[in-house]
Amino acid sequence: MDNNFKLDLGTLPKEFSLLLEIIKMENEDYLRLKNNELFTNIDWEKFLKLAIHHRVYPLIYSKLKKAGENWVPSEVIKTLNLEYKKNTFQMLHLSGEMEKINKLFVENQIRLLFLKGPVVAADLYGDISLRTSKDLDILVPIPDLKRASELLLNLGYEKVKLAPFEIWKWRNHHETYIHPQKKINIEIHWGLHPRPTIEPSFNDLWERKRISSLTNYPLYFLGEMDLYFYLIAHGARHGWFRLRWLSDIDRIIRKRVDIEKSNVKKENFEQYHLGKQASLLEGQALILTSQLLNTPINEENKILTEGRRSRKLAQNALYYIREMTPLSSTSSEIGSLKFMGSLLSLKSNLQKSYFINRYLFESKSQIQRFFYILNLFYPKSADVETLVLPNYLHFLYFPLRPILWAWRKLGKQA
């Protein structure tokens, strides 16, 4: 096995490399970075686009502000400052709503764990303004789902209805609620990951929960190792196309001294988080963070970075990081974009679809691969949008799916 494996970073733009250097920058690095050739011939508009897409602009702004040097054009700093302030207000807005929801659920004897949002920002970065969040994700026991839904509806939230064939117990692990006035989205989860997967029970997670002091009313979120494996699986499922997710893993690993002091062995968590797949995805995450963000990897974990599949997945993830391409379980529907119907565009679209589906397939366990293949033949909401059929003819979506899929690839609309 090649122990000197290096990711091929040659396809990443110079602006992205500068982004990485600023994120890694500490007080003693300011002088070194000032003289870095990366600051020459930078497309600052592209730099801003990357910082905003990857959701790391709060970190970038805070680093540059501490440096106190005129390395970056003033207009770029002004834009970063504006986005930073917007995010700070957003996180404060979410924090207030998070406290309100938490108190309401507790008063109604519903246990809930916050999966992401301001509570994770405070835990990992020590400051909610240094991480972005667009919504609140909460995990509740399945028996409490109905009551939790009723509470949100009573608060003025509206449930996002699932399209036909999006059978929630099989196809999803959460449902979404939107407050039209507050402009806040809340996802109620009954599972950490899409099915089928291996994950701890709610009771196990609850036993290992942590208490956050972010709000006046105590609220609970995932234990350190539970959060670690949850964020790894989440990032891998989306191809790590946002650098923020890798930054989160970097933060957790740098705090690992606290994890290693715990009485619970890491192997016990791997067993309940994704099973054998845990080592594969953790290896991918460690390769990406160590080579992009200089994350320190201890001797125990280095073996995880030597696996052929982990290395291949890490290299493939650079495609999504570079192209800023969203990746999810429905990415096979990438053909919803219009390609003017040309054969050249069709070929390009098919290649992208193939690459995405190959990545998703290679990142899954054997049982997940079986269900993934079945899922490819199962009608999607995009099929319904492409061709509207009355309810009594919905069975036709099964034989028509290949035709509707090809129709979208051609960029046409039915």
Protein backbone atom coordinates (compact mmCIF):
# COMPACT_ATOMS: atom_id res chain seq x y z
CA MET A 1 0.00 0.00 0.00
CA ASP A 2 1.28 3.44 -0.93
CA ASN A 3 1.72 5.26 2.38
CA ASN A 4 2.58 8.50 0.58
CA PHE A 5 -0.79 8.80 -1.15
CA LYS A 6 -1.64 12.35 -2.21
CA LEU A 7 -4.87 13.67 -3.62
CA ASP A 8 -4.62 15.14 -7.10
CA LEU A 9 -5.38 18.79 -6.33
CA GLY A 10 -4.23 20.05 -9.70
CA THR A 11 -7.78 20.63 -10.94
CA LEU A 12 -8.71 22.91 -8.03
CA PRO A 13 -8.64 26.64 -8.86
CA LYS A 14 -6.08 28.95 -7.31
CA GLU A 15 -8.87 30.83 -5.53
CA PHE A 16 -9.88 27.64 -3.74
CA SER A 17 -6.28 27.04 -2.64
CA LEU A 18 -6.19 30.55 -1.19
CA LEU A 19 -9.45 29.83 0.61
CA LEU A 20 -7.85 26.78 2.22
CA GLU A 21 -4.74 28.69 3.26
CA ILE A 22 -6.79 31.38 5.00
CA ILE A 23 -8.89 28.80 6.85
CA LYS A 24 -5.72 27.09 8.08
CA MET A 25 -4.17 30.40 9.08
CA GLU A 26 -3.26 30.95 12.74
CA ASN A 27 -1.60 33.97 14.39
CA GLU A 28 1.90 32.75 13.62
CA ASP A 29 0.96 32.17 9.99
CA TYR A 30 -0.02 35.74 9.13
CA LEU A 31 3.44 36.81 7.98
CA ARG A 32 3.94 33.62 5.97
CA LEU A 33 0.61 34.04 4.24
CA LYS A 34 1.24 37.71 3.51
CA ASN A 35 4.18 36.77 1.31
CA ASN A 36 2.39 33.84 -0.27
CA GLU A 37 2.26 33.89 -4.07
CA LEU A 38 -1.37 32.75 -3.87
CA PHE A 39 -2.37 36.39 -3.44
CA THR A 40 -1.18 37.24 -6.94
CA ASN A 41 -3.50 37.14 -9.96
CA ILE A 42 -6.56 36.20 -7.93
CA ASP A 43 -10.03 36.47 -9.43
CA TRP A 44 -11.65 38.02 -6.36
CA GLU A 45 -15.16 37.63 -7.71
CA LYS A 46 -14.53 33.90 -8.04
CA PHE A 47 -12.96 33.87 -4.57
CA LEU A 48 -16.13 35.37 -3.07
CA LYS A 49 -18.31 32.94 -4.98
CA LEU A 50 -16.32 30.01 -3.58
CA ALA A 51 -16.36 31.36 -0.01
CA ILE A 52 -20.12 31.84 -0.09
CA HIS A 53 -20.88 28.53 -1.80
CA HIS A 54 -18.73 26.56 0.61
CA ARG A 55 -20.31 28.40 3.55
CA VAL A 56 -16.93 29.31 5.03
CA TYR A 57 -17.18 33.08 4.58
CA PRO A 58 -17.66 33.68 8.34
CA LEU A 59 -14.36 31.92 9.03
CA ILE A 60 -12.63 33.70 6.16
CA TYR A 61 -13.81 37.11 7.35
CA SER A 62 -12.81 36.46 10.97
CA LYS A 63 -9.33 35.31 9.92
CA LEU A 64 -8.73 38.30 7.66
CA LYS A 65 -10.07 40.67 10.29
CA LYS A 66 -7.62 39.30 12.87
CA ALA A 67 -4.74 39.59 10.41
CA GLY A 68 -5.37 43.31 10.06
CA GLU A 69 -3.50 43.47 6.76
CA ASN A 70 -4.53 44.92 3.43
CA TRP A 71 -3.98 41.67 1.58
CA VAL A 72 -7.46 41.62 0.12
CA PRO A 73 -9.27 44.37 -1.84
CA SER A 74 -11.50 46.51 0.36
CA GLU A 75 -14.60 45.66 -1.69
CA VAL A 76 -14.03 41.98 -1.00
CA ILE A 77 -13.72 42.66 2.74
CA LYS A 78 -16.91 44.74 2.65
CA THR A 79 -18.81 41.91 0.96
CA LEU A 80 -17.48 39.37 3.44
CA ASN A 81 -18.39 41.67 6.32
CA LEU A 82 -21.93 42.09 5.00
CA GLU A 83 -22.40 38.33 4.61
CA TYR A 84 -20.90 37.77 8.05
CA LYS A 85 -23.41 40.16 9.64
CA LYS A 86 -26.30 38.55 7.76
CA ASN A 87 -25.24 35.16 9.02
CA THR A 88 -24.89 36.42 12.60
CA PHE A 89 -28.46 37.73 12.53
CA GLN A 90 -29.63 34.46 10.98
CA MET A 91 -27.96 32.40 13.70
CA LEU A 92 -29.41 34.59 16.44
CA HIS A 93 -32.82 34.24 14.79
CA LEU A 94 -32.46 30.45 14.71
CA SER A 95 -31.18 30.39 18.30
CA GLY A 96 -34.29 32.17 19.53
CA GLU A 97 -36.56 29.79 17.66
CA MET A 98 -34.50 26.81 18.80
CA GLU A 99 -35.01 27.77 22.44
CA LYS A 100 -38.74 28.27 21.88
CA ILE A 101 -39.19 24.89 20.14
CA ASN A 102 -37.09 23.11 22.74
CA LYS A 103 -39.09 24.52 25.64
CA LEU A 104 -42.40 23.70 23.96
CA PHE A 105 -41.42 20.09 23.28
CA VAL A 106 -40.06 19.56 26.78
CA GLU A 107 -43.25 20.97 28.31
CA ASN A 108 -45.17 18.44 26.22
CA GLN A 109 -42.86 15.63 27.35
CA ILE A 110 -41.26 15.08 23.96
CA ARG A 111 -37.55 14.30 24.04
CA LEU A 112 -35.60 15.96 21.26
CA LEU A 113 -31.98 16.18 20.16
CA PHE A 114 -30.65 18.99 17.99
CA LEU A 115 -28.54 17.58 15.17
CA LYS A 116 -27.12 20.77 13.66
CA GLY A 117 -27.72 24.51 13.77
CA PRO A 118 -26.49 27.08 16.33
CA VAL A 119 -25.91 24.49 19.04
CA VAL A 120 -23.32 22.70 16.88
CA ALA A 121 -21.77 26.01 15.82
CA ALA A 122 -21.26 26.94 19.47
CA ASP A 123 -19.83 23.52 20.29
CA LEU A 124 -17.35 23.32 17.42
CA TYR A 125 -16.38 26.95 16.90
CA GLY A 126 -17.17 28.55 20.24
CA ASP A 127 -19.12 31.26 18.42
CA ILE A 128 -22.41 30.85 16.54
CA SER A 129 -21.42 33.55 14.06
CA LEU A 130 -18.54 31.42 12.68
CA ARG A 131 -20.75 28.73 11.16
CA THR A 132 -23.77 28.96 8.86
CA SER A 133 -27.10 27.17 9.18
CA LYS A 134 -30.17 27.52 7.03
CA ASP A 135 -32.57 25.53 9.19
CA LEU A 136 -33.04 23.56 12.40
CA ASP A 137 -32.75 19.77 12.44
CA ILE A 138 -34.23 17.90 15.39
CA LEU A 139 -34.44 14.21 16.16
CA VAL A 140 -37.42 12.79 18.07
CA PRO A 141 -38.57 9.23 18.91
CA ILE A 142 -40.86 7.76 16.26
CA PRO A 143 -43.83 7.44 18.68
CA ASP A 144 -43.70 11.23 19.23
CA LEU A 145 -43.70 12.20 15.55
CA LYS A 146 -47.41 12.89 15.32
CA ARG A 147 -47.47 15.03 18.46
CA ALA A 148 -44.33 16.91 17.39
CA SER A 149 -45.97 17.67 14.04
CA GLU A 150 -49.09 18.98 15.75
CA LEU A 151 -47.05 21.32 17.94
CA LEU A 152 -45.28 22.85 14.95
CA LEU A 153 -48.52 23.25 13.03
CA ASN A 154 -50.04 25.04 16.03
CA LEU A 155 -47.10 27.46 15.96
CA GLY A 156 -47.90 28.45 12.38
CA TYR A 157 -45.54 26.11 10.59
CA GLU A 158 -46.69 24.48 7.37
CA LYS A 159 -45.71 20.94 6.46
CA VAL A 160 -44.04 20.46 3.10
CA LYS A 161 -46.11 17.81 1.43
CA LEU A 162 -44.33 14.87 -0.12
CA ALA A 163 -44.91 14.23 -3.79
CA PRO A 164 -46.51 10.97 -4.92
CA PHE A 165 -44.24 7.91 -4.48
CA GLU A 166 -42.20 9.69 -1.78
CA ILE A 167 -43.30 7.17 0.84
CA TRP A 168 -41.81 8.59 4.02
CA LYS A 169 -41.08 5.41 5.94
CA TRP A 170 -39.08 3.94 3.09
CA ARG A 171 -37.76 6.86 1.09
CA ASN A 172 -37.11 9.45 3.79
CA HIS A 173 -35.84 9.91 7.30
CA HIS A 174 -37.26 13.36 8.00
CA GLU A 175 -40.08 15.73 7.11
CA THR A 176 -39.85 19.48 6.60
CA TYR A 177 -41.87 22.35 8.06
CA ILE A 178 -41.70 25.98 6.99
CA HIS A 179 -42.89 29.07 8.84
CA PRO A 180 -44.06 31.53 6.15
CA GLN A 181 -43.62 34.63 8.32
CA LYS A 182 -40.44 33.76 10.22
CA LYS A 183 -38.83 32.21 7.12
CA ILE A 184 -37.53 29.34 9.21
CA ASN A 185 -37.32 25.70 8.12
CA ILE A 186 -37.44 22.88 10.64
CA GLU A 187 -36.71 19.27 9.79
CA ILE A 188 -38.11 16.66 12.15
CA HIS A 189 -35.98 13.51 11.91
CA TRP A 190 -36.93 10.03 13.04
CA GLY A 191 -33.57 8.69 11.84
CA LEU A 192 -30.05 10.03 11.39
CA HIS A 193 -29.66 8.72 7.85
CA PRO A 194 -31.76 7.50 4.90
CA ARG A 195 -32.75 3.85 5.12
CA PRO A 196 -31.45 1.22 5.06
CA THR A 197 -28.58 1.96 7.43
CA ILE A 198 -27.08 0.99 10.75
CA GLU A 199 -27.47 3.61 13.44
CA PRO A 200 -28.01 3.88 17.19
CA SER A 201 -31.50 3.89 18.66
CA PHE A 202 -32.89 7.16 19.95
CA ASN A 203 -32.53 5.87 23.51
CA ASP A 204 -28.83 5.15 22.95
CA LEU A 205 -28.28 8.62 21.56
CA TRP A 206 -30.24 10.11 24.44
CA GLU A 207 -28.04 8.36 27.00
CA ARG A 208 -24.93 9.92 25.43
CA LYS A 209 -26.45 13.36 24.86
CA ARG A 210 -24.75 16.60 25.85
CA ILE A 211 -26.31 19.67 27.39
CA SER A 212 -25.80 23.02 25.67
CA SER A 213 -25.68 26.26 27.62
CA LEU A 214 -26.25 28.32 24.50
CA THR A 215 -29.76 29.29 25.62
CA ASN A 216 -31.31 30.03 28.99
CA TYR A 217 -33.43 26.89 28.75
CA PRO A 218 -31.26 23.70 28.71
CA LEU A 219 -31.28 21.86 25.40
CA TYR A 220 -29.68 18.63 24.26
CA PHE A 221 -27.58 17.60 21.28
CA LEU A 222 -25.53 14.62 20.15
CA GLY A 223 -22.58 13.28 22.10
CA GLU A 224 -19.15 13.95 20.59
CA MET A 225 -18.63 10.62 18.88
CA ASP A 226 -22.26 10.41 17.76
CA LEU A 227 -21.94 13.87 16.21
CA TYR A 228 -18.62 12.89 14.62
CA PHE A 229 -20.02 9.86 12.80
CA TYR A 230 -23.28 11.65 11.96
CA LEU A 231 -21.44 14.53 10.26
CA ILE A 232 -19.11 12.13 8.42
CA ALA A 233 -22.04 10.17 6.97
CA HIS A 234 -23.89 13.38 6.11
CA GLY A 235 -20.88 14.90 4.34
CA ALA A 236 -20.10 11.71 2.43
CA ARG A 237 -23.72 11.37 1.30
CA HIS A 238 -23.49 14.83 -0.25
CA GLY A 239 -20.04 14.34 -1.76
CA TRP A 240 -18.52 16.91 0.63
CA PHE A 241 -19.45 19.56 -1.92
CA ARG A 242 -19.35 22.21 0.82
CA LEU A 243 -16.02 22.83 2.53
CA ARG A 244 -17.88 23.75 5.73
CA TRP A 245 -18.60 20.06 6.39
CA LEU A 246 -14.89 19.21 6.25
CA SER A 247 -14.19 22.17 8.51
CA ASP A 248 -16.61 20.67 11.04
CA ILE A 249 -14.74 17.36 11.00
CA ASP A 250 -11.44 19.20 11.35
CA ARG A 251 -12.76 20.97 14.46
CA ILE A 252 -13.94 17.73 16.05
CA ILE A 253 -10.64 15.97 15.43
CA ARG A 254 -8.66 18.85 16.89
CA LYS A 255 -10.77 18.47 20.02
CA ARG A 256 -10.24 14.70 20.07
CA VAL A 257 -8.15 14.85 23.21
CA ASP A 258 -11.45 15.18 25.05
CA ILE A 259 -12.95 12.29 23.11
CA GLU A 260 -10.00 10.04 23.86
CA LYS A 261 -10.43 10.70 27.58
CA SER A 262 -13.94 9.23 27.47
CA ASN A 263 -14.54 5.75 28.79
CA VAL A 264 -16.29 4.60 25.61
CA LYS A 265 -14.12 2.99 22.94
CA LYS A 266 -14.39 4.42 19.45
CA GLU A 267 -14.94 0.93 18.01
CA ASN A 268 -18.22 0.72 19.89
CA PHE A 269 -19.49 3.75 18.01
CA GLU A 270 -18.36 2.45 14.62
CA GLN A 271 -20.34 -0.69 15.26
CA TYR A 272 -23.57 1.26 15.71
CA HIS A 273 -22.91 3.95 13.12
CA LEU A 274 -22.99 2.45 9.61
CA GLY A 275 -21.25 -0.78 10.64
CA LYS A 276 -18.33 -1.74 8.33
CA GLN A 277 -19.16 1.27 6.19
CA ALA A 278 -18.03 3.54 9.05
CA SER A 279 -14.32 2.85 8.45
CA LEU A 280 -14.72 3.49 4.71
CA LEU A 281 -16.38 6.88 5.13
CA GLU A 282 -14.23 7.93 8.06
CA GLY A 283 -11.15 7.13 6.00
CA GLN A 284 -12.46 9.33 3.20
CA ALA A 285 -13.11 12.20 5.61
CA LEU A 286 -9.67 11.89 7.22
CA ILE A 287 -7.91 11.93 3.85
CA LEU A 288 -9.80 15.03 2.74
CA THR A 289 -9.36 16.98 5.98
CA SER A 290 -5.70 16.06 6.46
CA GLN A 291 -4.72 17.00 2.91
CA LEU A 292 -6.96 20.06 2.50
CA LEU A 293 -6.95 21.47 6.03
CA ASN A 294 -3.82 19.89 7.58
CA THR A 295 -5.94 18.08 10.14
CA PRO A 296 -3.68 16.05 12.47
CA ILE A 297 -4.27 12.30 12.18
CA ASN A 298 -3.10 10.09 15.04
CA GLU A 299 -1.38 6.75 14.50
CA GLU A 300 -4.53 4.80 15.33
CA ASN A 301 -6.49 6.48 12.55
CA LYS A 302 -3.78 6.53 9.88
CA ILE A 303 -4.66 2.99 8.89
CA LEU A 304 -8.11 4.24 7.87
CA THR A 305 -6.50 6.53 5.28
CA GLU A 306 -4.69 3.62 3.61
CA GLY A 307 -7.75 1.82 2.29
CA ARG A 308 -8.07 1.75 -1.50
CA ARG A 309 -11.81 2.46 -1.45
CA SER A 310 -11.45 5.36 0.99
CA ARG A 311 -8.75 6.91 -1.19
CA LYS A 312 -10.83 6.50 -4.31
CA LEU A 313 -13.87 8.08 -2.64
CA ALA A 314 -11.75 10.97 -1.39
CA GLN A 315 -10.36 11.65 -4.87
CA ASN A 316 -13.83 11.42 -6.40
CA ALA A 317 -15.20 13.90 -3.87
CA LEU A 318 -12.89 16.56 -5.29
CA TYR A 319 -15.14 16.61 -8.37
CA TYR A 320 -18.08 17.85 -6.32
CA ILE A 321 -15.90 20.26 -4.35
CA ARG A 322 -14.49 21.71 -7.57
CA GLU A 323 -17.73 21.81 -9.54
CA MET A 324 -19.79 22.93 -6.51
CA THR A 325 -22.24 20.21 -7.53
CA PRO A 326 -24.95 19.24 -5.03
CA LEU A 327 -25.10 15.54 -4.39
CA SER A 328 -27.94 13.69 -2.72
CA SER A 329 -29.89 10.47 -2.99
CA THR A 330 -31.91 12.05 -5.78
CA SER A 331 -28.95 13.28 -7.77
CA SER A 332 -29.82 10.90 -10.57
CA GLU A 333 -32.40 13.53 -11.41
CA ILE A 334 -29.68 15.93 -12.47
CA GLY A 335 -31.36 15.89 -15.88
CA SER A 336 -33.98 18.31 -14.61
CA LEU A 337 -31.59 20.98 -15.85
CA LYS A 338 -32.12 22.13 -19.44
CA PHE A 339 -29.45 21.24 -21.94
CA MET A 340 -31.05 22.66 -25.08
CA GLY A 341 -31.72 19.20 -26.40
CA SER A 342 -28.38 18.86 -28.14
CA LEU A 343 -26.64 15.50 -28.31
CA LEU A 344 -23.46 17.06 -26.94
CA SER A 345 -25.29 18.35 -23.88
CA LEU A 346 -27.09 15.04 -23.52
CA LYS A 347 -23.76 13.23 -23.48
CA SER A 348 -22.38 15.65 -20.88
CA ASN A 349 -25.48 15.24 -18.75
CA LEU A 350 -25.37 11.45 -18.94
CA GLN A 351 -21.70 11.51 -17.93
CA LYS A 352 -22.46 13.66 -14.90
CA SER A 353 -25.36 11.43 -13.95
CA TYR A 354 -23.17 8.34 -14.31
CA PHE A 355 -20.37 9.86 -12.22
CA ILE A 356 -22.75 10.87 -9.45
CA ASN A 357 -24.48 7.52 -9.31
CA ARG A 358 -21.13 5.70 -9.36
CA TYR A 359 -19.92 7.74 -6.39
CA LEU A 360 -23.13 7.06 -4.46
CA PHE A 361 -22.95 3.35 -5.28
CA GLU A 362 -19.31 3.01 -4.20
CA SER A 363 -19.93 4.78 -0.89
CA LYS A 364 -22.69 2.39 0.17
CA SER A 365 -22.74 -0.94 1.98
CA GLN A 366 -23.86 -4.11 0.19
CA ILE A 367 -27.43 -3.94 1.48
CA GLN A 368 -27.61 -0.24 0.65
CA ARG A 369 -26.43 -0.98 -2.89
CA PHE A 370 -29.24 -3.48 -3.33
CA PHE A 371 -31.87 -0.95 -2.29
CA TYR A 372 -30.13 1.79 -4.27
CA ILE A 373 -30.51 -0.22 -7.48
CA LEU A 374 -34.17 -0.89 -6.69
CA ASN A 375 -34.64 2.79 -6.02
CA LEU A 376 -33.39 3.71 -9.49
CA PHE A 377 -36.44 1.97 -10.96
CA TYR A 378 -38.86 3.49 -8.49
CA PRO A 379 -40.80 6.59 -9.70
CA LYS A 380 -39.62 9.97 -8.42
CA SER A 381 -41.37 13.27 -7.87
CA ALA A 382 -39.57 14.55 -10.99
CA ASP A 383 -41.46 11.94 -13.04
CA VAL A 384 -44.75 13.34 -11.78
CA GLU A 385 -43.62 16.86 -12.65
CA THR A 386 -42.58 15.76 -16.13
CA LEU A 387 -45.86 14.01 -16.93
CA VAL A 388 -48.96 14.61 -14.84
CA LEU A 389 -51.23 11.56 -14.69
CA PRO A 390 -54.47 11.08 -12.75
CA ASN A 391 -54.21 8.96 -9.60
CA TYR A 392 -55.79 5.89 -11.18
CA LEU A 393 -52.99 5.85 -13.81
CA HIS A 394 -50.07 6.29 -11.40
CA PHE A 395 -49.04 2.68 -11.97
CA LEU A 396 -47.91 3.76 -15.45
CA TYR A 397 -45.04 5.74 -13.93
CA PHE A 398 -43.16 2.48 -13.34
CA PRO A 399 -42.89 1.38 -17.03
CA LEU A 400 -42.66 5.03 -18.18
CA ARG A 401 -39.79 5.98 -15.86
CA PRO A 402 -36.94 5.25 -18.37
CA ILE A 403 -38.74 7.30 -21.03
CA LEU A 404 -39.41 10.21 -18.67
CA TRP A 405 -35.81 10.08 -17.45
CA ALA A 406 -34.50 10.27 -21.05
CA TRP A 407 -36.96 13.07 -21.80
CA ARG A 408 -35.51 15.22 -19.01
CA LYS A 409 -31.99 14.43 -20.17
CA LEU A 410 -32.91 15.96 -23.51
CA GLY A 411 -33.98 19.11 -21.73
CA LYS A 412 -37.55 18.99 -22.99
CA GLN A 413 -40.73 19.47 -21.02
CA ALA A 414 -43.81 17.33 -21.37
